[in-house]
Amino acid sequence: MRNNTNPGGVDRSSRRLLLLFGVFLIAMNLRAPFTGVAPLLDMLKATFDLNAAQAGLLITLPLLAFSIVSPFAASLATRFGLERTLMMSLIIIAGGIFVRSSGSGIGLYIGTAIIGGGIAIGNVLLPSILKRDFPERVASLTAAYVLVMGCTAAGLSTLAVPFAHMENSDWRLALAASVLLPILAALAWLPQLRSSGPTTMSNKKAAGQGRIWHSPLAWQVTLFLGLDCFLYYVGVSWLPAILRDASFTEAQAGSMHGVLLLSTALPGLVLIPLAPRMKDQRHAACLLALSIMIGLMGLHILPSLAVLWIVFFGFGAGGGLILALSFVSLRTVNASDAAALSGMSQCIGYLLAATGPTLVGSIHDASGGWGTPLIVCAALSIAMAVVGLLAGRNVQVTLDVASRPVRVR
């Protein structure tokens, strides 16, 4: 009689599927808990008598938290292990959601900042998990989890206002409902804490994390992510105002904002099958940045076709994020280096993103319209295309010996 021919292989395959399921559930928590606030801003402004700047801070605070916390995520993973640190990020997100939903104005802001800190850890470390456990499928899996991330954010944003207006409900329950996301992810992640596989990262990371800041290739990846995030959050913040100035109604502007969120998820459907066939990502990075430019200039020149231009913009920005996160793994040789590059790129990238809405708003106020801000952002998308041609090369930075790129064969 014959026993199972390869029980160890079956068990390993099951563990990888369970790990991947956990990765996707964690990804569901990396945008939705803070982007879901945007549809409720008018309600929050009325409740707490907030002005526009104070309300906008609820969107900016998580981005600042991303920038501040990201450089420390790799150190936490080195000390506690990738799996345990990711579980910690879910606990922090859940705690922040409870604080934000407490009903007080102070709790609203403190909870939002806590959520941003938890998301920052997950943002940095998910690419390291993919680099360590799925090195042969980094690009396609990154596209898949960004697709999950975008769809969850769009879904929660769509449900937030109807949920808040349900009988016996309000904005607090609408915001608190998102706590189900980190709870479900934490339950699915529990088996990874008992995993017999590698759970920690090399201590060589500490030296590499310092050298990463001296690598031209690391800066190219960082600037690509930073410019993409800058343009994306400018669009998320100001698109309704741009459309209202172009004679669209408030309801139409709100619907098109939802189109923007959905269109940022669309590139995942293209890049999941396409990514494994790419020898490098130069052309994809350039084309996605030019898609952003077409969307911005279209809104400036022919705003009556706004839906078309929004899809161009969203597709380019969403695809740019997928490529930028893929670069973190594709441009490094191991999980430790990936965590170091992820921390650097997201620190600078989200700092740029946090300044974007305010800076572009100031240009609008100074120029008296949206023409100049749109042209400035279109010029930045061209710069993003140039940077993408450099970051998309098939080379890797090695931090164990020197911070110079090595061509991948």
Protein backbone atom coordinates (compact mmCIF):
# COMPACT_ATOMS: atom_id res chain seq x y z
CA MET A 1 0.00 0.00 0.00
CA ARG A 2 1.14 3.59 -0.72
CA ASN A 3 0.79 6.46 1.63
CA ASN A 4 0.45 10.10 0.50
CA THR A 5 3.10 10.67 -2.10
CA ASN A 6 4.01 14.14 -0.87
CA PRO A 7 2.32 15.06 2.39
CA GLY A 8 4.97 17.65 3.16
CA GLY A 9 4.36 19.37 -0.17
CA VAL A 10 0.59 19.45 0.37
CA ASP A 11 1.09 20.88 3.85
CA ARG A 12 3.46 23.52 2.54
CA SER A 13 1.00 24.44 -0.19
CA SER A 14 -1.79 24.82 2.38
CA ARG A 15 0.39 27.05 4.54
CA ARG A 16 1.19 29.28 1.56
CA LEU A 17 -2.51 29.60 0.68
CA LEU A 18 -3.36 30.47 4.27
CA LEU A 19 -0.55 33.02 4.33
CA LEU A 20 -1.77 34.58 1.09
CA PHE A 21 -5.34 34.74 2.43
CA GLY A 22 -4.01 36.57 5.48
CA VAL A 23 -2.02 38.99 3.30
CA PHE A 24 -5.15 39.93 1.34
CA LEU A 25 -7.17 40.47 4.54
CA ILE A 26 -4.41 42.70 5.92
CA ALA A 27 -4.44 44.61 2.62
CA MET A 28 -8.13 45.35 3.17
CA ASN A 29 -7.09 47.42 6.20
CA LEU A 30 -4.45 49.58 4.49
CA ARG A 31 -6.76 52.25 2.98
CA ALA A 32 -10.41 51.75 3.90
CA PRO A 33 -10.24 52.71 7.63
CA PHE A 34 -9.14 56.26 6.77
CA THR A 35 -10.49 56.89 3.24
CA GLY A 36 -13.94 55.91 4.55
CA VAL A 37 -13.98 59.16 6.55
CA ALA A 38 -14.11 61.39 3.44
CA PRO A 39 -17.85 60.88 2.68
CA LEU A 40 -18.68 61.73 6.31
CA LEU A 41 -16.69 64.98 6.47
CA ASP A 42 -19.77 67.22 6.08
CA MET A 43 -21.47 65.35 8.93
CA LEU A 44 -18.37 65.67 11.11
CA LYS A 45 -18.01 69.37 10.28
CA ALA A 46 -21.59 69.98 11.41
CA THR A 47 -21.22 67.88 14.58
CA PHE A 48 -17.98 69.47 15.80
CA ASP A 49 -18.27 72.87 14.06
CA LEU A 50 -15.08 72.25 12.07
CA ASN A 51 -13.77 74.53 9.36
CA ALA A 52 -12.44 73.16 6.06
CA ALA A 53 -8.83 73.00 7.26
CA GLN A 54 -9.76 71.14 10.45
CA ALA A 55 -11.87 68.67 8.50
CA GLY A 56 -9.11 68.19 5.92
CA LEU A 57 -6.73 67.28 8.73
CA LEU A 58 -8.66 64.01 9.12
CA ILE A 59 -7.32 63.05 5.67
CA THR A 60 -3.84 64.53 6.14
CA LEU A 61 -3.15 63.07 9.61
CA PRO A 62 -2.88 59.43 8.42
CA LEU A 63 -0.49 60.50 5.66
CA LEU A 64 1.72 62.27 8.19
CA ALA A 65 1.57 59.16 10.38
CA PHE A 66 2.65 57.07 7.39
CA SER A 67 5.67 59.30 6.93
CA ILE A 68 6.66 59.38 10.61
CA VAL A 69 6.11 55.70 11.45
CA SER A 70 7.32 54.05 8.21
CA PRO A 71 11.09 54.31 8.97
CA PHE A 72 10.60 52.41 12.26
CA ALA A 73 8.56 49.50 10.86
CA ALA A 74 11.61 47.54 9.66
CA SER A 75 13.25 47.84 13.10
CA LEU A 76 10.09 46.52 14.76
CA ALA A 77 10.04 43.57 12.35
CA THR A 78 13.69 42.81 13.10
CA ARG A 79 12.97 42.74 16.83
CA PHE A 80 9.61 40.96 16.89
CA GLY A 81 9.39 39.22 13.50
CA LEU A 82 7.34 40.05 10.42
CA GLU A 83 4.29 38.04 11.47
CA ARG A 84 4.05 39.44 15.00
CA THR A 85 4.65 43.01 13.84
CA LEU A 86 1.89 42.72 11.25
CA MET A 87 -0.44 41.42 13.97
CA MET A 88 0.60 44.43 16.05
CA SER A 89 -0.39 46.73 13.16
CA LEU A 90 -3.90 45.19 13.06
CA ILE A 91 -4.31 45.65 16.81
CA ILE A 92 -3.22 49.30 16.51
CA ILE A 93 -5.68 49.91 13.65
CA ALA A 94 -8.54 48.36 15.63
CA GLY A 95 -7.64 50.40 18.72
CA GLY A 96 -7.53 53.59 16.65
CA ILE A 97 -10.97 52.87 15.18
CA PHE A 98 -12.44 52.50 18.68
CA VAL A 99 -10.82 55.76 19.85
CA ARG A 100 -11.97 57.61 16.72
CA SER A 101 -15.54 56.39 17.22
CA SER A 102 -15.72 57.40 20.89
CA GLY A 103 -17.79 60.48 20.08
CA SER A 104 -15.37 63.20 21.23
CA GLY A 105 -13.58 65.67 18.99
CA ILE A 106 -10.19 64.89 20.55
CA GLY A 107 -10.80 61.17 20.13
CA LEU A 108 -11.64 61.75 16.47
CA TYR A 109 -8.18 63.17 15.78
CA ILE A 110 -6.18 60.94 18.12
CA GLY A 111 -7.88 57.83 16.78
CA THR A 112 -7.23 58.93 13.20
CA ALA A 113 -3.51 59.36 13.94
CA ILE A 114 -3.36 55.94 15.65
CA ILE A 115 -5.02 54.31 12.64
CA GLY A 116 -2.43 55.95 10.39
CA GLY A 117 0.40 54.55 12.50
CA GLY A 118 -0.98 51.02 12.31
CA ILE A 119 -1.54 51.25 8.55
CA ALA A 120 2.02 52.56 8.07
CA ILE A 121 3.46 49.37 9.60
CA GLY A 122 1.35 47.19 7.32
CA ASN A 123 2.23 49.30 4.27
CA VAL A 124 5.95 48.81 4.89
CA LEU A 125 5.96 45.12 5.80
CA LEU A 126 3.55 43.49 3.34
CA PRO A 127 6.08 43.86 0.47
CA SER A 128 8.67 42.14 2.72
CA ILE A 129 6.34 39.17 3.25
CA LEU A 130 5.89 38.83 -0.52
CA LYS A 131 9.64 39.13 -1.10
CA ARG A 132 10.35 36.42 1.47
CA ASP A 133 7.61 33.89 0.74
CA PHE A 134 6.58 34.57 -2.89
CA PRO A 135 9.72 35.97 -4.58
CA GLU A 136 8.71 34.56 -7.96
CA ARG A 137 5.27 36.26 -7.94
CA VAL A 138 5.99 39.64 -6.34
CA ALA A 139 4.60 41.87 -9.10
CA SER A 140 1.37 39.94 -9.73
CA LEU A 141 0.62 39.47 -6.02
CA THR A 142 1.31 43.13 -5.34
CA ALA A 143 -1.17 44.03 -8.09
CA ALA A 144 -3.68 41.64 -6.52
CA TYR A 145 -3.43 43.03 -3.00
CA VAL A 146 -3.57 46.65 -4.23
CA LEU A 147 -6.72 45.66 -6.15
CA VAL A 148 -8.19 44.25 -2.92
CA MET A 149 -7.10 47.39 -1.06
CA GLY A 150 -8.75 49.71 -3.60
CA CYS A 151 -12.00 47.76 -3.87
CA THR A 152 -12.38 47.63 -0.09
CA ALA A 153 -11.76 51.38 0.20
CA ALA A 154 -14.30 52.13 -2.54
CA GLY A 155 -16.86 49.80 -0.97
CA LEU A 156 -16.51 51.26 2.52
CA SER A 157 -16.69 54.83 1.17
CA THR A 158 -19.87 53.95 -0.71
CA LEU A 159 -21.54 52.40 2.36
CA ALA A 160 -20.46 55.01 4.93
CA VAL A 161 -23.18 57.62 4.37
CA PRO A 162 -26.13 55.17 3.96
CA PHE A 163 -25.00 53.35 7.11
CA ALA A 164 -24.75 56.61 9.06
CA HIS A 165 -28.35 57.49 8.07
CA MET A 166 -29.84 54.14 9.03
CA GLU A 167 -32.30 54.04 11.91
CA ASN A 168 -30.53 53.98 15.30
CA SER A 169 -27.22 54.73 13.62
CA ASP A 170 -24.96 57.77 13.22
CA TRP A 171 -21.44 58.70 12.10
CA ARG A 172 -19.92 56.95 15.15
CA LEU A 173 -21.42 53.59 14.23
CA ALA A 174 -20.54 54.15 10.57
CA LEU A 175 -16.88 54.66 11.50
CA ALA A 176 -16.88 51.94 14.16
CA ALA A 177 -18.19 49.35 11.69
CA SER A 178 -14.82 49.34 9.94
CA VAL A 179 -13.31 47.63 13.01
CA LEU A 180 -14.59 44.36 11.52
CA LEU A 181 -11.78 44.57 8.96
CA PRO A 182 -8.82 44.36 11.39
CA ILE A 183 -10.65 41.84 13.59
CA LEU A 184 -11.24 39.46 10.66
CA ALA A 185 -7.67 39.95 9.45
CA ALA A 186 -6.24 39.29 12.92
CA LEU A 187 -8.21 36.05 13.23
CA ALA A 188 -6.97 34.89 9.83
CA TRP A 189 -3.39 35.89 10.76
CA LEU A 190 -3.28 33.94 14.04
CA PRO A 191 -1.93 30.73 12.43
CA GLN A 192 1.07 32.69 11.14
CA LEU A 193 2.14 33.41 14.72
CA ARG A 194 2.54 29.66 15.25
CA SER A 195 4.28 29.13 11.92
CA SER A 196 7.42 27.02 11.98
CA GLY A 197 8.78 28.98 9.03
CA PRO A 198 11.08 32.00 9.27
CA THR A 199 9.54 34.76 11.34
CA THR A 200 12.35 37.24 11.80
CA MET A 201 14.53 39.26 9.52
CA SER A 202 18.27 39.38 9.38
CA ASN A 203 20.06 41.64 11.82
CA LYS A 204 22.10 42.85 8.85
CA LYS A 205 19.08 45.05 8.14
CA ALA A 206 20.26 47.70 10.60
CA ALA A 207 23.36 48.52 8.56
CA GLY A 208 21.46 48.21 5.29
CA GLN A 209 18.76 50.58 6.45
CA GLY A 210 21.35 53.33 6.83
CA ARG A 211 22.99 52.64 3.45
CA ILE A 212 19.67 52.60 1.61
CA TRP A 213 19.49 56.41 1.88
CA HIS A 214 22.71 56.69 -0.16
CA SER A 215 21.47 54.56 -3.07
CA PRO A 216 20.47 56.42 -6.28
CA LEU A 217 18.22 53.50 -7.23
CA ALA A 218 16.45 53.69 -3.85
CA TRP A 219 15.84 57.40 -4.42
CA GLN A 220 14.42 56.69 -7.87
CA VAL A 221 11.94 54.23 -6.37
CA THR A 222 11.15 56.70 -3.59
CA LEU A 223 10.50 59.60 -5.95
CA PHE A 224 8.29 57.44 -8.19
CA LEU A 225 6.15 56.48 -5.20
CA GLY A 226 6.21 60.03 -3.82
CA LEU A 227 5.10 61.69 -7.05
CA ASP A 228 2.37 59.09 -7.57
CA CYS A 229 1.03 59.58 -4.02
CA PHE A 230 1.28 63.38 -4.32
CA LEU A 231 -0.85 63.38 -7.48
CA TYR A 232 -3.29 60.74 -6.20
CA TYR A 233 -4.11 62.56 -2.96
CA VAL A 234 -4.39 65.89 -4.78
CA GLY A 235 -7.01 64.22 -6.97
CA VAL A 236 -8.81 62.60 -4.03
CA SER A 237 -8.86 65.91 -2.11
CA TRP A 238 -9.71 68.44 -4.84
CA LEU A 239 -11.59 66.56 -7.57
CA PRO A 240 -15.06 67.48 -6.18
CA ALA A 241 -14.10 71.17 -6.08
CA ILE A 242 -12.63 71.01 -9.60
CA LEU A 243 -15.84 69.47 -10.91
CA ARG A 244 -18.10 71.94 -9.10
CA ASP A 245 -16.16 74.83 -10.64
CA ALA A 246 -16.71 73.12 -14.01
CA SER A 247 -20.51 73.41 -13.45
CA PHE A 248 -21.16 69.86 -12.24
CA THR A 249 -23.65 69.47 -9.40
CA GLU A 250 -22.57 68.37 -5.94
CA ALA A 251 -24.24 64.99 -6.47
CA GLN A 252 -22.47 64.50 -9.82
CA ALA A 253 -19.14 65.48 -8.27
CA GLY A 254 -19.70 62.96 -5.47
CA SER A 255 -20.52 60.18 -7.94
CA MET A 256 -17.41 60.93 -10.00
CA HIS A 257 -15.31 60.82 -6.84
CA GLY A 258 -16.50 57.24 -6.47
CA VAL A 259 -15.50 56.60 -10.09
CA LEU A 260 -12.00 57.82 -9.21
CA LEU A 261 -11.68 55.38 -6.32
CA LEU A 262 -12.91 52.48 -8.45
CA SER A 263 -10.66 53.36 -11.38
CA THR A 264 -7.57 53.23 -9.14
CA ALA A 265 -8.34 49.54 -8.58
CA LEU A 266 -8.69 48.71 -12.30
CA PRO A 267 -4.94 48.47 -13.12
CA GLY A 268 -4.70 45.42 -10.88
CA LEU A 269 -6.89 43.50 -13.33
CA VAL A 270 -4.38 44.28 -16.10
CA LEU A 271 -1.13 43.95 -14.16
CA ILE A 272 -1.92 40.65 -12.39
CA PRO A 273 -1.63 38.59 -15.62
CA LEU A 274 0.78 40.98 -17.37
CA ALA A 275 3.39 41.56 -14.65
CA PRO A 276 5.05 38.10 -14.79
CA ARG A 277 5.76 38.59 -18.52
CA MET A 278 7.58 41.91 -18.11
CA LYS A 279 11.36 41.84 -18.47
CA ASP A 280 11.41 45.22 -16.74
CA GLN A 281 8.84 47.87 -15.81
CA ARG A 282 10.19 50.96 -17.61
CA HIS A 283 7.51 51.21 -20.27
CA ALA A 284 4.69 50.42 -17.86
CA ALA A 285 5.89 53.09 -15.40
CA CYS A 286 6.18 55.69 -18.15
CA LEU A 287 2.77 54.91 -19.68
CA LEU A 288 0.99 55.00 -16.31
CA ALA A 289 2.50 58.40 -15.50
CA LEU A 290 1.44 59.70 -18.93
CA SER A 291 -2.07 58.38 -18.25
CA ILE A 292 -2.16 60.65 -15.19
CA MET A 293 -1.04 63.57 -17.37
CA ILE A 294 -3.78 62.89 -19.95
CA GLY A 295 -6.39 62.86 -17.18
CA LEU A 296 -5.17 66.13 -15.68
CA MET A 297 -4.91 67.99 -18.98
CA GLY A 298 -8.26 66.60 -20.09
CA LEU A 299 -9.93 68.03 -16.98
CA HIS A 300 -8.31 71.39 -17.79
CA ILE A 301 -9.06 71.52 -21.54
CA LEU A 302 -12.35 69.60 -21.89
CA PRO A 303 -14.00 69.17 -18.46
CA SER A 304 -17.32 68.12 -20.03
CA LEU A 305 -15.76 64.67 -20.56
CA ALA A 306 -14.74 64.50 -16.90
CA VAL A 307 -15.64 60.81 -16.45
CA LEU A 308 -13.18 59.81 -19.18
CA TRP A 309 -10.38 61.96 -17.76
CA ILE A 310 -11.03 60.66 -14.24
CA VAL A 311 -10.63 57.08 -15.47
CA PHE A 312 -7.33 58.01 -17.16
CA PHE A 313 -6.12 59.69 -13.99
CA GLY A 314 -7.28 56.94 -11.63
CA PHE A 315 -5.89 54.16 -13.82
CA GLY A 316 -2.48 55.84 -13.94
CA ALA A 317 -2.36 56.66 -10.23
CA GLY A 318 -3.57 53.22 -9.15
CA GLY A 319 -1.19 51.44 -11.51
CA GLY A 320 1.64 53.68 -10.37
CA LEU A 321 1.06 52.63 -6.77
CA ILE A 322 1.12 48.95 -7.77
CA LEU A 323 4.43 49.40 -9.60
CA ALA A 324 5.94 51.49 -6.79
CA LEU A 325 5.12 48.82 -4.20
CA SER A 326 6.40 46.13 -6.57
CA PHE A 327 9.68 48.03 -6.97
CA VAL A 328 10.25 47.68 -3.22
CA SER A 329 10.58 43.92 -3.69
CA LEU A 330 11.83 43.75 -7.27
CA ARG A 331 14.70 46.19 -6.68
CA THR A 332 16.00 44.39 -3.56
CA VAL A 333 17.55 40.96 -2.92
CA ASN A 334 15.95 39.91 0.38
CA ALA A 335 13.16 40.73 2.85
CA SER A 336 15.45 42.84 5.07
CA ASP A 337 16.50 45.10 2.21
CA ALA A 338 12.90 45.27 1.02
CA ALA A 339 11.78 46.48 4.46
CA ALA A 340 14.54 49.11 4.49
CA LEU A 341 13.58 50.40 1.02
CA SER A 342 9.88 50.24 1.89
CA GLY A 343 10.42 52.33 5.02
CA MET A 344 12.47 54.93 3.15
CA SER A 345 10.17 55.21 0.13
CA GLN A 346 6.99 55.44 2.19
CA CYS A 347 8.48 57.92 4.65
CA ILE A 348 9.34 60.38 1.85
CA GLY A 349 6.48 59.38 -0.41
CA TYR A 350 3.71 60.00 2.09
CA LEU A 351 5.38 63.17 3.34
CA LEU A 352 5.07 64.46 -0.24
CA ALA A 353 1.48 63.19 -0.35
CA ALA A 354 0.60 65.06 2.84
CA THR A 355 1.87 68.36 1.40
CA GLY A 356 0.12 67.90 -1.94
CA PRO A 357 -3.47 68.99 -1.17
CA THR A 358 -2.37 72.08 0.78
CA LEU A 359 0.21 73.14 -1.81
CA VAL A 360 -2.14 72.72 -4.75
CA GLY A 361 -4.91 74.48 -2.82
CA SER A 362 -2.57 77.42 -2.27
CA ILE A 363 -1.73 77.56 -5.99
CA HIS A 364 -5.48 77.59 -6.71
CA ASP A 365 -6.04 80.48 -4.30
CA ALA A 366 -3.13 82.46 -5.76
CA SER A 367 -4.11 81.88 -9.40
CA GLY A 368 -7.87 82.16 -8.92
CA GLY A 369 -8.73 78.93 -10.72
CA TRP A 370 -7.84 75.30 -11.32
CA GLY A 371 -6.02 75.77 -14.64
CA THR A 372 -2.58 76.50 -13.16
CA PRO A 373 -2.75 73.74 -10.49
CA LEU A 374 -3.74 71.18 -13.14
CA ILE A 375 -0.87 72.24 -15.41
CA VAL A 376 1.61 72.07 -12.50
CA CYS A 377 0.41 68.57 -11.62
CA ALA A 378 0.61 67.51 -15.28
CA ALA A 379 4.25 68.67 -15.31
CA LEU A 380 4.89 66.57 -12.19
CA SER A 381 3.38 63.55 -13.94
CA ILE A 382 5.93 64.01 -16.76
CA ALA A 383 8.68 64.08 -14.11
CA MET A 384 7.15 60.87 -12.70
CA ALA A 385 7.42 59.28 -16.17
CA VAL A 386 11.14 60.13 -16.35
CA VAL A 387 11.77 58.76 -12.86
CA GLY A 388 9.78 55.65 -13.79
CA LEU A 389 12.14 54.95 -16.69
CA LEU A 390 14.97 54.80 -14.15
CA ALA A 391 13.18 52.98 -11.32
CA GLY A 392 11.74 50.44 -13.77
CA ARG A 393 15.12 49.10 -14.90
CA ASN A 394 15.79 45.43 -14.22
CA VAL A 395 18.45 46.07 -11.55
CA GLN A 396 18.70 45.58 -7.80
CA VAL A 397 20.40 47.50 -5.03
CA THR A 398 22.51 45.33 -2.71
CA LEU A 399 23.04 46.67 0.79
CA ASP A 400 25.32 43.97 2.17
CA VAL A 401 28.34 45.18 0.20
CA ALA A 402 27.59 48.54 -1.37
CA SER A 403 24.58 50.60 -2.29
CA ARG A 404 24.93 50.27 -6.03
CA PRO A 405 22.55 48.57 -8.44
CA VAL A 406 23.24 45.06 -9.71
CA ARG A 407 21.63 43.91 -12.96
CA VAL A 408 19.27 40.96 -12.57
CA ARG A 409 19.83 38.19 -15.11
